[in-house]
N, C-alpha and C. Protein backbone atom coordinates (compact mmCIF):
# COMPACT_ATOMS: atom_id res chain seq x y z
N MET A 1 6.15 -19.16 14.02
CA MET A 1 5.59 -20.42 12.98
C MET A 1 7.59 -19.60 11.92
N GLU A 2 7.79 -20.36 11.57
CA GLU A 2 8.95 -20.10 11.15
C GLU A 2 8.75 -19.85 8.98
N VAL A 3 9.04 -18.57 8.31
CA VAL A 3 8.93 -17.96 7.33
C VAL A 3 10.29 -18.09 6.62
N ASN A 4 10.37 -18.65 5.80
CA ASN A 4 11.71 -19.17 4.66
C ASN A 4 11.61 -18.14 3.23
N TYR A 5 11.91 -17.10 3.41
CA TYR A 5 11.41 -15.59 2.78
C TYR A 5 12.70 -16.27 1.25
N LYS A 6 13.28 -17.03 0.96
CA LYS A 6 14.29 -17.32 -0.39
C LYS A 6 13.43 -17.91 -1.19
N ASN A 7 12.06 -18.15 -0.32
CA ASN A 7 11.13 -19.40 -1.58
C ASN A 7 9.68 -18.75 -1.55
N VAL A 8 9.41 -17.32 -1.32
CA VAL A 8 8.56 -16.34 -1.11
C VAL A 8 8.45 -15.55 -3.05
N PRO A 9 7.93 -15.69 -3.38
CA PRO A 9 8.14 -15.58 -5.32
C PRO A 9 7.52 -14.12 -4.72
N SER A 10 8.43 -13.06 -5.74
CA SER A 10 7.93 -11.65 -5.31
C SER A 10 6.83 -11.55 -6.41
N VAL A 11 6.24 -10.27 -5.84
CA VAL A 11 4.83 -10.22 -6.09
C VAL A 11 4.78 -9.77 -8.21
N GLN A 12 6.19 -9.35 -8.32
CA GLN A 12 6.66 -9.18 -10.21
C GLN A 12 6.01 -10.13 -10.61
N GLU A 13 7.27 -11.14 -10.01
CA GLU A 13 6.84 -12.84 -10.93
C GLU A 13 5.74 -13.08 -10.41
N MET A 14 4.67 -13.49 -9.94
CA MET A 14 3.52 -13.55 -9.57
C MET A 14 2.68 -12.94 -10.93
N ALA A 15 2.16 -11.86 -11.25
CA ALA A 15 1.87 -10.93 -12.17
C ALA A 15 2.48 -11.58 -13.00
N LYS A 16 3.96 -11.75 -13.57
CA LYS A 16 3.92 -12.52 -14.48
C LYS A 16 3.16 -13.20 -14.75
N LYS A 17 3.03 -14.36 -14.25
CA LYS A 17 2.35 -15.55 -14.47
C LYS A 17 0.48 -15.48 -14.88
N LYS A 18 0.61 -14.19 -14.63
CA LYS A 18 -1.25 -14.32 -14.65
C LYS A 18 -1.89 -15.20 -14.03
N LEU A 19 -2.02 -15.29 -12.45
CA LEU A 19 -2.70 -16.71 -12.16
C LEU A 19 -4.06 -16.24 -11.75
N VAL A 20 -5.06 -17.84 -11.62
CA VAL A 20 -6.45 -17.64 -11.97
C VAL A 20 -6.73 -17.39 -10.34
N THR A 21 -6.51 -17.96 -9.56
CA THR A 21 -6.52 -18.11 -8.18
C THR A 21 -5.19 -17.58 -7.19
N ILE A 22 -5.53 -17.03 -5.92
CA ILE A 22 -4.42 -16.36 -4.81
C ILE A 22 -4.27 -17.31 -4.52
N PRO A 23 -2.38 -17.39 -3.94
CA PRO A 23 -1.72 -18.28 -3.56
C PRO A 23 -2.58 -18.53 -2.06
N SER A 24 -2.54 -19.81 -1.55
CA SER A 24 -3.10 -19.27 -0.38
C SER A 24 -2.62 -19.43 0.93
N ARG A 25 -1.25 -18.49 0.68
CA ARG A 25 -0.11 -17.69 1.42
C ARG A 25 -0.47 -16.63 1.71
N TYR A 26 -1.63 -15.74 0.43
CA TYR A 26 -1.68 -14.97 0.62
C TYR A 26 -2.88 -14.69 1.19
N VAL A 27 -4.32 -15.70 1.14
CA VAL A 27 -5.96 -15.95 1.54
C VAL A 27 -5.08 -15.40 3.40
N ARG A 28 -6.63 -14.45 3.56
CA ARG A 28 -6.54 -14.61 5.37
C ARG A 28 -7.89 -14.67 5.46
N ASP A 29 -8.59 -15.57 6.38
CA ASP A 29 -10.08 -15.92 6.42
C ASP A 29 -10.10 -14.92 7.72
N ASP A 30 -9.54 -14.85 8.45
CA ASP A 30 -9.73 -14.00 9.79
C ASP A 30 -9.84 -13.19 9.83
N GLN A 31 -10.46 -12.17 8.67
CA GLN A 31 -10.54 -11.00 8.66
C GLN A 31 -11.56 -10.31 8.58
N ASP A 32 -12.73 -9.31 9.12
CA ASP A 32 -13.86 -8.47 8.58
C ASP A 32 -13.59 -8.22 7.07
N HIS A 33 -14.40 -8.50 5.99
CA HIS A 33 -14.08 -8.10 4.98
C HIS A 33 -15.10 -7.02 5.01
N SER A 34 -16.47 -6.78 5.23
CA SER A 34 -17.58 -5.69 5.39
C SER A 34 -16.89 -4.22 5.26
N VAL A 35 -15.84 -4.21 6.53
CA VAL A 35 -15.40 -2.64 5.61
C VAL A 35 -14.32 -2.16 4.95
N ALA A 36 -13.17 -2.87 4.50
CA ALA A 36 -12.82 -2.93 3.35
C ALA A 36 -13.68 -3.06 1.72
N SER A 37 -14.68 -3.64 2.00
CA SER A 37 -15.71 -3.75 0.84
C SER A 37 -16.15 -3.07 0.81
N SER A 38 -16.51 -2.51 1.77
CA SER A 38 -17.83 -1.44 1.68
C SER A 38 -17.30 -0.23 0.62
N ASN A 39 -15.72 0.36 1.09
CA ASN A 39 -15.40 1.51 0.48
C ASN A 39 -14.21 0.30 -1.18
N LYS A 40 -14.66 0.84 -1.94
CA LYS A 40 -14.18 0.42 -3.04
C LYS A 40 -12.19 1.26 -3.53
N GLU A 41 -12.04 2.77 -2.85
CA GLU A 41 -11.30 3.72 -3.27
C GLU A 41 -9.87 3.35 -1.76
N ALA A 42 -8.65 3.44 -2.85
CA ALA A 42 -8.14 3.32 -1.57
C ALA A 42 -8.06 4.10 -0.57
N PRO A 43 -7.37 4.26 0.51
CA PRO A 43 -7.35 4.91 1.26
C PRO A 43 -5.83 6.30 0.82
N VAL A 44 -6.85 6.95 1.79
CA VAL A 44 -5.80 8.44 1.44
C VAL A 44 -4.80 8.51 2.70
N ILE A 45 -3.11 8.74 2.92
CA ILE A 45 -3.07 9.63 4.27
C ILE A 45 -2.39 10.90 3.80
N ASP A 46 -2.54 11.76 4.96
CA ASP A 46 -2.31 13.77 4.23
C ASP A 46 -0.66 13.40 4.96
N MET A 47 0.32 13.32 4.40
CA MET A 47 1.23 13.65 4.88
C MET A 47 1.83 14.88 5.59
N GLN A 48 1.11 15.89 5.20
CA GLN A 48 1.35 16.91 6.42
C GLN A 48 0.30 16.77 7.54
N ARG A 49 -0.69 16.60 7.92
CA ARG A 49 -1.30 16.07 9.35
C ARG A 49 -0.27 15.34 9.82
N LEU A 50 0.02 14.23 9.30
CA LEU A 50 1.15 13.24 9.88
C LEU A 50 2.28 13.98 10.73
N ILE A 51 2.79 15.22 10.26
CA ILE A 51 3.83 16.04 10.83
C ILE A 51 3.70 17.22 11.47
N ASN A 52 1.70 17.29 11.41
CA ASN A 52 1.46 18.69 11.90
C ASN A 52 2.07 18.59 13.20
N SER A 53 3.35 19.31 14.57
CA SER A 53 3.01 18.66 15.22
C SER A 53 2.23 20.06 16.48
N ASN A 54 1.65 20.63 15.32
CA ASN A 54 0.96 22.12 16.45
C ASN A 54 -0.88 21.56 16.50
N ASP A 55 -1.49 20.29 15.74
CA ASP A 55 -2.34 20.15 15.17
C ASP A 55 -2.34 18.54 15.98
N HIS A 56 -2.23 18.51 17.63
CA HIS A 56 -2.19 17.45 17.69
C HIS A 56 -3.17 16.06 17.83
N ASP A 57 -4.78 16.59 17.49
CA ASP A 57 -5.78 16.14 16.94
C ASP A 57 -5.87 15.26 15.61
N SER A 58 -5.32 16.18 15.15
CA SER A 58 -5.36 15.87 13.33
C SER A 58 -4.71 14.98 13.15
N MET A 59 -3.48 14.98 13.92
CA MET A 59 -2.58 14.33 13.98
C MET A 59 -2.76 12.50 14.24
N ASN A 60 -3.64 12.85 14.76
CA ASN A 60 -3.73 11.47 15.91
C ASN A 60 -4.99 10.61 15.29
N ILE A 61 -5.50 11.53 14.73
CA ILE A 61 -6.95 10.97 13.91
C ILE A 61 -6.20 10.10 12.40
N GLU A 62 -4.67 11.14 11.65
CA GLU A 62 -4.50 10.81 10.57
C GLU A 62 -3.55 9.13 10.92
N LEU A 63 -2.64 9.72 12.23
CA LEU A 63 -2.10 7.86 12.31
C LEU A 63 -3.25 7.08 12.33
N GLN A 64 -4.47 7.16 12.95
CA GLN A 64 -5.43 6.50 13.34
C GLN A 64 -5.82 5.97 11.70
N ASN A 65 -5.68 6.65 10.57
CA ASN A 65 -6.21 6.23 9.29
C ASN A 65 -4.65 5.80 8.96
N LEU A 66 -3.55 5.32 8.88
CA LEU A 66 -2.55 5.17 8.48
C LEU A 66 -2.45 3.81 8.82
N HIS A 67 -2.74 3.79 10.19
CA HIS A 67 -2.84 2.52 10.97
C HIS A 67 -4.16 1.30 10.29
N PHE A 68 -4.89 2.37 10.30
CA PHE A 68 -5.81 1.27 9.35
C PHE A 68 -5.60 0.80 7.81
N ALA A 69 -5.42 1.75 7.03
CA ALA A 69 -5.23 1.89 6.05
C ALA A 69 -3.85 0.46 5.61
N ALA A 70 -2.93 0.39 6.51
CA ALA A 70 -1.70 -0.87 6.51
C ALA A 70 -2.04 -1.73 7.02
N LYS A 71 -2.68 -2.29 7.71
CA LYS A 71 -4.04 -3.28 8.85
C LYS A 71 -4.38 -3.67 7.57
N GLU A 72 -5.40 -3.28 6.96
CA GLU A 72 -6.88 -3.58 6.08
C GLU A 72 -6.55 -3.55 4.81
N TRP A 73 -5.56 -2.61 4.49
CA TRP A 73 -5.79 -2.41 2.57
C TRP A 73 -4.22 -3.34 2.53
N GLY A 74 -3.29 -3.18 3.31
CA GLY A 74 -1.99 -2.86 2.52
C GLY A 74 -1.17 -2.17 2.00
N PHE A 75 -2.34 -1.03 1.54
CA PHE A 75 -1.51 -0.25 0.76
C PHE A 75 -1.84 1.30 0.67
N PHE A 76 -1.44 2.98 0.47
CA PHE A 76 -2.46 3.39 0.58
C PHE A 76 -1.72 4.58 -0.65
N GLN A 77 -3.04 5.88 -0.88
CA GLN A 77 -2.09 6.56 -1.61
C GLN A 77 -1.63 8.61 -0.65
N LEU A 78 -0.10 8.44 -0.76
CA LEU A 78 0.06 9.43 -0.24
C LEU A 78 -0.04 10.47 -0.42
N ILE A 79 -0.82 11.86 0.02
CA ILE A 79 -0.61 13.23 -0.32
C ILE A 79 -0.15 14.15 0.23
N ASN A 80 0.66 15.22 -0.43
CA ASN A 80 0.86 16.61 0.69
C ASN A 80 2.25 16.01 0.98
N HIS A 81 3.28 15.22 0.29
CA HIS A 81 4.46 14.74 0.50
C HIS A 81 4.98 15.07 0.38
N GLY A 82 5.32 16.70 -0.70
CA GLY A 82 6.40 17.55 -0.69
C GLY A 82 7.11 17.15 -2.23
N VAL A 83 6.54 15.65 -2.80
CA VAL A 83 7.79 15.41 -3.62
C VAL A 83 6.57 15.67 -5.70
N SER A 84 7.73 16.50 -5.71
CA SER A 84 7.14 17.09 -7.28
C SER A 84 5.86 16.35 -8.11
N SER A 85 5.16 16.49 -8.79
CA SER A 85 4.68 15.95 -9.57
C SER A 85 5.62 14.89 -10.58
N SER A 86 6.21 16.34 -10.87
CA SER A 86 7.24 15.54 -12.43
C SER A 86 8.33 14.90 -11.83
N VAL A 87 8.76 14.87 -10.77
CA VAL A 87 9.86 14.20 -9.87
C VAL A 87 9.16 12.30 -9.59
N ALA A 88 7.61 13.17 -8.71
CA ALA A 88 6.41 11.59 -8.95
C ALA A 88 6.39 10.77 -10.27
N GLU A 89 5.95 11.07 -11.47
CA GLU A 89 5.77 10.79 -12.78
C GLU A 89 7.11 9.32 -13.58
N LYS A 90 8.19 10.77 -13.14
CA LYS A 90 10.04 10.32 -13.76
C LYS A 90 10.00 9.65 -12.61
N MET A 91 9.71 9.11 -11.50
CA MET A 91 10.11 7.90 -10.65
C MET A 91 9.02 6.59 -11.20
N LYS A 92 7.45 7.15 -11.71
CA LYS A 92 6.57 6.25 -11.91
C LYS A 92 7.23 5.46 -13.16
N HIS A 93 7.78 5.98 -14.57
CA HIS A 93 8.52 6.27 -15.55
C HIS A 93 9.42 5.15 -15.26
N GLU A 94 10.53 5.33 -14.67
CA GLU A 94 11.54 4.63 -14.37
C GLU A 94 11.65 2.90 -13.76
N SER A 95 10.16 3.07 -12.63
CA SER A 95 10.24 1.73 -12.45
C SER A 95 9.34 1.23 -13.46
N GLN A 96 8.56 1.75 -14.72
CA GLN A 96 7.63 0.80 -15.43
C GLN A 96 9.07 -0.20 -16.61
N HIS A 97 9.82 1.14 -16.50
CA HIS A 97 10.92 0.91 -16.98
C HIS A 97 12.06 0.21 -17.30
N SER A 98 12.36 0.31 -16.10
CA SER A 98 13.01 -1.06 -14.82
C SER A 98 12.47 -2.50 -15.39
N SER A 99 11.18 -2.40 -14.74
CA SER A 99 10.23 -3.36 -14.63
C SER A 99 10.11 -4.48 -16.08
N ILE A 100 10.48 -3.50 -17.37
CA ILE A 100 10.00 -4.54 -18.72
C ILE A 100 11.04 -4.99 -18.25
N CYS A 101 12.75 -4.33 -18.74
CA CYS A 101 13.80 -4.67 -18.70
C CYS A 101 14.56 -5.57 -18.16
N HIS A 102 13.72 -6.09 -17.27
CA HIS A 102 14.67 -7.52 -15.54
C HIS A 102 13.82 -7.98 -16.01
């Protein structure tokens, strides 16, 4: 299946349109929704566990969690990443401001 990425609208553009239904290209019927729908909170991934080479068991569990989050949810919350909360808040503010201006 060949995909022409130039014809794919950005998520931001779709959000501005306040769609009532999900475009069919984003609907997947081949997934088991029972796992994702049972937990309403976004997955949390611990960066320190991912990079801790001293504890392979913990690292492998976190890698499995990351795989699940990416495959089943498409996103996750990353904790213990080393970015200060003030820098993260500034990035959040700047990204919100730039999306309003464009």
